[in-house]
Amino acid sequence: MSYIESHVEKDIQQIADGHKMLYEKMDREFKELHEELDELKGTQAAQEFVITRRLKQG
């Protein structure tokens, strides 16, 4: 029982910590991607507005 407590539990804790760090990193990356996507959508909307306005004038 002491082997399990001293060796296996440490390994399980390391795996759990690794998963937690990976999840946190993925969360940050996805947040950054969503922010970039929002910026691109705003740029696209502005470009569509300009193009539509030019087509109506022309």
N, C-alpha and C. Protein backbone atom coordinates (compact mmCIF):
# COMPACT_ATOMS: atom_id res chain seq x y z
N MET A 1 0.82 -1.20 0.00
CA MET A 1 0.00 0.00 0.00
C MET A 1 0.87 1.26 0.00
N SER A 2 1.98 1.21 0.72
CA SER A 2 2.84 2.40 0.78
C SER A 2 3.47 2.68 -0.59
N TYR A 3 3.72 1.62 -1.40
CA TYR A 3 4.27 1.82 -2.75
C TYR A 3 3.28 2.59 -3.60
N ILE A 4 2.03 2.20 -3.52
CA ILE A 4 0.99 2.89 -4.28
C ILE A 4 0.90 4.35 -3.87
N GLU A 5 0.92 4.59 -2.58
CA GLU A 5 0.81 5.96 -2.10
C GLU A 5 2.02 6.80 -2.50
N SER A 6 3.20 6.22 -2.47
CA SER A 6 4.40 7.01 -2.73
C SER A 6 4.75 7.11 -4.21
N HIS A 7 4.36 6.16 -5.03
CA HIS A 7 4.76 6.17 -6.43
C HIS A 7 3.59 6.41 -7.39
N VAL A 8 2.58 5.62 -7.27
CA VAL A 8 1.46 5.69 -8.20
C VAL A 8 0.69 7.00 -8.04
N GLU A 9 0.45 7.41 -6.82
CA GLU A 9 -0.29 8.65 -6.60
C GLU A 9 0.46 9.85 -7.15
N LYS A 10 1.80 9.85 -7.05
CA LYS A 10 2.59 10.94 -7.63
C LYS A 10 2.43 10.97 -9.15
N ASP A 11 2.49 9.81 -9.77
CA ASP A 11 2.32 9.74 -11.23
C ASP A 11 0.95 10.22 -11.65
N ILE A 12 -0.06 9.80 -10.93
CA ILE A 12 -1.43 10.22 -11.25
C ILE A 12 -1.56 11.73 -11.07
N GLN A 13 -0.97 12.28 -10.02
CA GLN A 13 -1.03 13.72 -9.79
C GLN A 13 -0.30 14.46 -10.90
N GLN A 14 0.84 13.95 -11.37
CA GLN A 14 1.57 14.59 -12.46
C GLN A 14 0.74 14.58 -13.74
N ILE A 15 0.07 13.50 -14.01
CA ILE A 15 -0.79 13.41 -15.20
C ILE A 15 -1.94 14.41 -15.09
N ALA A 16 -2.54 14.47 -13.92
CA ALA A 16 -3.65 15.42 -13.71
C ALA A 16 -3.17 16.86 -13.87
N ASP A 17 -2.00 17.17 -13.32
CA ASP A 17 -1.45 18.52 -13.46
C ASP A 17 -1.15 18.84 -14.92
N GLY A 18 -0.63 17.86 -15.65
CA GLY A 18 -0.36 18.06 -17.07
C GLY A 18 -1.62 18.34 -17.86
N HIS A 19 -2.67 17.61 -17.56
CA HIS A 19 -3.96 17.84 -18.23
C HIS A 19 -4.51 19.22 -17.89
N LYS A 20 -4.36 19.63 -16.65
CA LYS A 20 -4.85 20.94 -16.24
C LYS A 20 -4.09 22.05 -16.96
N MET A 21 -2.77 21.92 -17.05
CA MET A 21 -1.96 22.93 -17.74
C MET A 21 -2.31 22.97 -19.23
N LEU A 22 -2.50 21.80 -19.82
CA LEU A 22 -2.87 21.74 -21.24
C LEU A 22 -4.22 22.40 -21.47
N TYR A 23 -5.18 22.14 -20.62
CA TYR A 23 -6.50 22.74 -20.74
C TYR A 23 -6.42 24.26 -20.62
N GLU A 24 -5.63 24.74 -19.66
CA GLU A 24 -5.49 26.18 -19.48
C GLU A 24 -4.84 26.83 -20.70
N LYS A 25 -3.84 26.16 -21.26
CA LYS A 25 -3.18 26.69 -22.47
C LYS A 25 -4.15 26.72 -23.64
N MET A 26 -4.91 25.66 -23.81
CA MET A 26 -5.89 25.61 -24.90
C MET A 26 -6.94 26.70 -24.72
N ASP A 27 -7.36 26.93 -23.49
CA ASP A 27 -8.35 27.97 -23.20
C ASP A 27 -7.82 29.34 -23.60
N ARG A 28 -6.55 29.63 -23.27
CA ARG A 28 -5.94 30.91 -23.67
C ARG A 28 -5.84 31.02 -25.19
N GLU A 29 -5.42 29.95 -25.83
CA GLU A 29 -5.26 29.96 -27.29
C GLU A 29 -6.61 30.20 -27.97
N PHE A 30 -7.64 29.52 -27.52
CA PHE A 30 -8.96 29.69 -28.12
C PHE A 30 -9.50 31.10 -27.87
N LYS A 31 -9.20 31.65 -26.71
CA LYS A 31 -9.63 33.02 -26.42
C LYS A 31 -8.96 33.98 -27.40
N GLU A 32 -7.66 33.80 -27.64
CA GLU A 32 -6.94 34.64 -28.59
C GLU A 32 -7.51 34.48 -30.00
N LEU A 33 -7.81 33.25 -30.38
CA LEU A 33 -8.38 33.01 -31.70
C LEU A 33 -9.74 33.68 -31.86
N HIS A 34 -10.55 33.61 -30.82
CA HIS A 34 -11.87 34.26 -30.87
C HIS A 34 -11.73 35.77 -30.99
N GLU A 35 -10.76 36.34 -30.28
CA GLU A 35 -10.53 37.79 -30.38
C GLU A 35 -10.10 38.17 -31.79
N GLU A 36 -9.19 37.39 -32.37
CA GLU A 36 -8.73 37.67 -33.74
C GLU A 36 -9.89 37.52 -34.73
N LEU A 37 -10.71 36.50 -34.52
CA LEU A 37 -11.85 36.29 -35.41
C LEU A 37 -12.83 37.46 -35.32
N ASP A 38 -13.07 37.96 -34.11
CA ASP A 38 -13.95 39.11 -33.95
C ASP A 38 -13.39 40.33 -34.69
N GLU A 39 -12.08 40.53 -34.61
CA GLU A 39 -11.45 41.64 -35.33
C GLU A 39 -11.62 41.48 -36.84
N LEU A 40 -11.43 40.27 -37.32
CA LEU A 40 -11.58 40.01 -38.75
C LEU A 40 -13.03 40.23 -39.21
N LYS A 41 -13.96 39.81 -38.38
CA LYS A 41 -15.37 40.03 -38.72
C LYS A 41 -15.68 41.52 -38.80
N GLY A 42 -15.11 42.30 -37.89
CA GLY A 42 -15.32 43.74 -37.92
C GLY A 42 -14.72 44.36 -39.17
N THR A 43 -13.53 43.92 -39.54
CA THR A 43 -12.89 44.41 -40.76
C THR A 43 -13.71 44.03 -41.99
N GLN A 44 -14.19 42.81 -42.01
CA GLN A 44 -15.00 42.35 -43.14
C GLN A 44 -16.28 43.18 -43.25
N ALA A 45 -16.92 43.45 -42.15
CA ALA A 45 -18.15 44.24 -42.17
C ALA A 45 -17.87 45.64 -42.70
N ALA A 46 -16.76 46.23 -42.26
CA ALA A 46 -16.41 47.57 -42.73
C ALA A 46 -16.13 47.57 -44.23
N GLN A 47 -15.43 46.56 -44.71
CA GLN A 47 -15.13 46.46 -46.14
C GLN A 47 -16.41 46.24 -46.96
N GLU A 48 -17.31 45.43 -46.45
CA GLU A 48 -18.57 45.21 -47.15
C GLU A 48 -19.37 46.50 -47.22
N PHE A 49 -19.34 47.28 -46.15
CA PHE A 49 -20.05 48.55 -46.14
C PHE A 49 -19.49 49.49 -47.20
N VAL A 50 -18.16 49.58 -47.28
CA VAL A 50 -17.52 50.45 -48.26
C VAL A 50 -17.83 49.98 -49.68
N ILE A 51 -17.75 48.69 -49.91
CA ILE A 51 -18.03 48.16 -51.25
C ILE A 51 -19.48 48.40 -51.64
N THR A 52 -20.39 48.13 -50.72
CA THR A 52 -21.82 48.35 -51.00
C THR A 52 -22.10 49.82 -51.30
N ARG A 53 -21.49 50.70 -50.54
CA ARG A 53 -21.67 52.14 -50.73
C ARG A 53 -21.13 52.58 -52.10
N ARG A 54 -20.00 52.05 -52.47
CA ARG A 54 -19.41 52.40 -53.77
C ARG A 54 -20.28 51.88 -54.92
N LEU A 55 -20.83 50.69 -54.75
CA LEU A 55 -21.67 50.12 -55.80
C LEU A 55 -22.95 50.94 -55.98
N LYS A 56 -23.50 51.43 -54.86
CA LYS A 56 -24.72 52.23 -54.93
C LYS A 56 -24.43 53.59 -55.58
N GLN A 57 -23.26 54.13 -55.36
CA GLN A 57 -22.90 55.44 -55.93
C GLN A 57 -22.54 55.32 -57.41
N GLY A 58 -22.00 54.19 -57.80
CA GLY A 58 -21.49 54.01 -59.15
C GLY A 58 -22.54 53.60 -60.09
